[in-house]
Amino acid sequence: MKNSALDELTRLQEWYVAQCNGDWEHQYGVRIGNIDNPGWSLDIDLWDTPLAEKAFIATAIERSDSDWVHCKVEEAVFKGRGGALNLRELLQIFLAWTREE
């Protein structure tokens, strides 16, 4: 994987555009926010996408109090949470899952 965070953003944008069909983007989407740990939240709606029924194995990585990621799919929403410097890793986990067969 390349070292530029822009690669993950570009790939996320490409995934988003591929879901947009005139309807999906009016009800669903991608939300990146912050949490008070401090850290990041990443919620990606999977309804009406090829990922809606795809199995995802929940991920919990705890390296330290500030270096951690937790990801799961719940009610057709990918939910990632991570430390303040882990946003890129959250994106990488989601994007790797989208490419799995």
Protein backbone atom coordinates (compact mmCIF):
# COMPACT_ATOMS: atom_id res chain seq x y z
CA MET A 1 0.00 0.00 0.00
CA LYS A 2 1.29 3.46 -0.84
CA ASN A 3 2.27 5.83 1.95
CA SER A 4 0.02 8.73 1.00
CA ALA A 5 -3.21 9.24 2.95
CA LEU A 6 -4.56 10.76 -0.25
CA ASP A 7 -4.62 7.25 -1.70
CA GLU A 8 -7.15 6.20 0.93
CA LEU A 9 -9.20 9.36 0.41
CA THR A 10 -9.17 8.84 -3.35
CA ARG A 11 -10.26 5.23 -2.97
CA LEU A 12 -13.01 6.19 -0.49
CA GLN A 13 -14.23 8.85 -2.93
CA GLU A 14 -14.24 6.29 -5.74
CA TRP A 15 -16.23 3.84 -3.59
CA TYR A 16 -18.71 6.59 -2.70
CA VAL A 17 -19.17 7.66 -6.32
CA ALA A 18 -19.75 4.03 -7.34
CA GLN A 19 -22.67 3.84 -4.86
CA CYS A 20 -24.31 7.05 -6.07
CA ASN A 21 -27.20 6.08 -8.33
CA GLY A 22 -29.60 8.99 -7.94
CA ASP A 23 -31.20 7.45 -4.84
CA TRP A 24 -28.52 6.03 -2.52
CA GLU A 25 -26.78 9.36 -1.90
CA HIS A 26 -30.06 10.95 -0.79
CA GLN A 27 -30.54 8.49 2.07
CA TYR A 28 -27.08 7.12 2.86
CA GLY A 29 -23.48 8.21 2.92
CA VAL A 30 -20.15 8.46 4.68
CA ARG A 31 -19.62 10.34 7.93
CA ILE A 32 -16.26 11.18 9.45
CA GLY A 33 -16.34 12.82 12.85
CA ASN A 34 -14.38 13.16 16.02
CA ILE A 35 -14.86 11.58 19.42
CA ASP A 36 -13.78 12.95 22.76
CA ASN A 37 -11.08 10.40 23.65
CA PRO A 38 -9.68 12.18 21.45
CA GLY A 39 -10.15 10.20 18.29
CA TRP A 40 -12.12 9.57 15.11
CA SER A 41 -15.41 8.03 14.11
CA LEU A 42 -16.07 6.64 10.64
CA ASP A 43 -19.60 5.53 9.73
CA ILE A 44 -20.32 4.25 6.23
CA ASP A 45 -23.81 3.22 5.20
CA LEU A 46 -23.88 -0.12 3.42
CA TRP A 47 -27.61 -0.33 2.65
CA ASP A 48 -28.27 -0.93 -1.05
CA THR A 49 -24.60 -1.65 -1.74
CA PRO A 50 -22.87 -4.97 -2.54
CA LEU A 51 -21.44 -4.85 1.01
CA ALA A 52 -24.80 -4.84 2.79
CA GLU A 53 -24.79 -8.62 3.26
CA LYS A 54 -21.02 -9.19 3.27
CA ALA A 55 -19.55 -10.68 6.43
CA PHE A 56 -17.15 -8.51 8.40
CA ILE A 57 -15.08 -9.80 11.28
CA ALA A 58 -15.03 -7.20 14.03
CA THR A 59 -11.60 -5.72 14.64
CA ALA A 60 -10.21 -4.47 17.96
CA ILE A 61 -6.58 -3.37 18.06
CA GLU A 62 -5.30 -1.83 21.29
CA ARG A 63 -1.68 -0.66 21.02
CA SER A 64 -1.92 2.06 23.65
CA ASP A 65 -4.42 4.52 25.15
CA SER A 66 -3.94 6.77 22.12
CA ASP A 67 -3.20 4.19 19.38
CA TRP A 68 -6.22 1.95 18.86
CA VAL A 69 -8.90 0.97 16.34
CA HIS A 70 -12.25 -0.78 16.68
CA CYS A 71 -14.29 -1.66 13.60
CA LYS A 72 -17.54 -3.56 13.16
CA VAL A 73 -20.56 -3.73 10.91
CA GLU A 74 -23.85 -3.21 12.68
CA GLU A 75 -27.26 -2.84 11.01
CA ALA A 76 -25.60 -2.41 7.59
CA VAL A 77 -23.30 0.38 8.78
CA PHE A 78 -19.53 0.06 8.91
CA LYS A 79 -18.55 1.65 12.23
CA GLY A 80 -14.93 2.48 12.85
CA ARG A 81 -13.51 4.22 15.88
CA GLY A 82 -9.88 5.00 16.55
CA GLY A 83 -7.32 7.16 18.25
CA ALA A 84 -6.48 10.67 17.11
CA LEU A 85 -3.79 9.42 14.70
CA ASN A 86 -5.71 6.36 13.44
CA LEU A 87 -8.12 7.80 10.85
CA ARG A 88 -6.01 6.53 7.97
CA GLU A 89 -5.97 3.04 9.49
CA LEU A 90 -9.77 3.07 9.80
CA LEU A 91 -10.00 3.93 6.10
CA GLN A 92 -7.49 1.21 5.24
CA ILE A 93 -9.50 -1.42 7.13
CA PHE A 94 -12.72 -0.45 5.37
CA LEU A 95 -11.11 -0.29 1.94
CA ALA A 96 -9.31 -3.62 2.38
CA TRP A 97 -12.65 -5.22 3.27
CA THR A 98 -14.29 -3.79 0.14
CA ARG A 99 -11.69 -5.62 -1.99
CA GLU A 100 -11.97 -9.01 -0.26
CA GLU A 101 -13.69 -11.76 -2.24
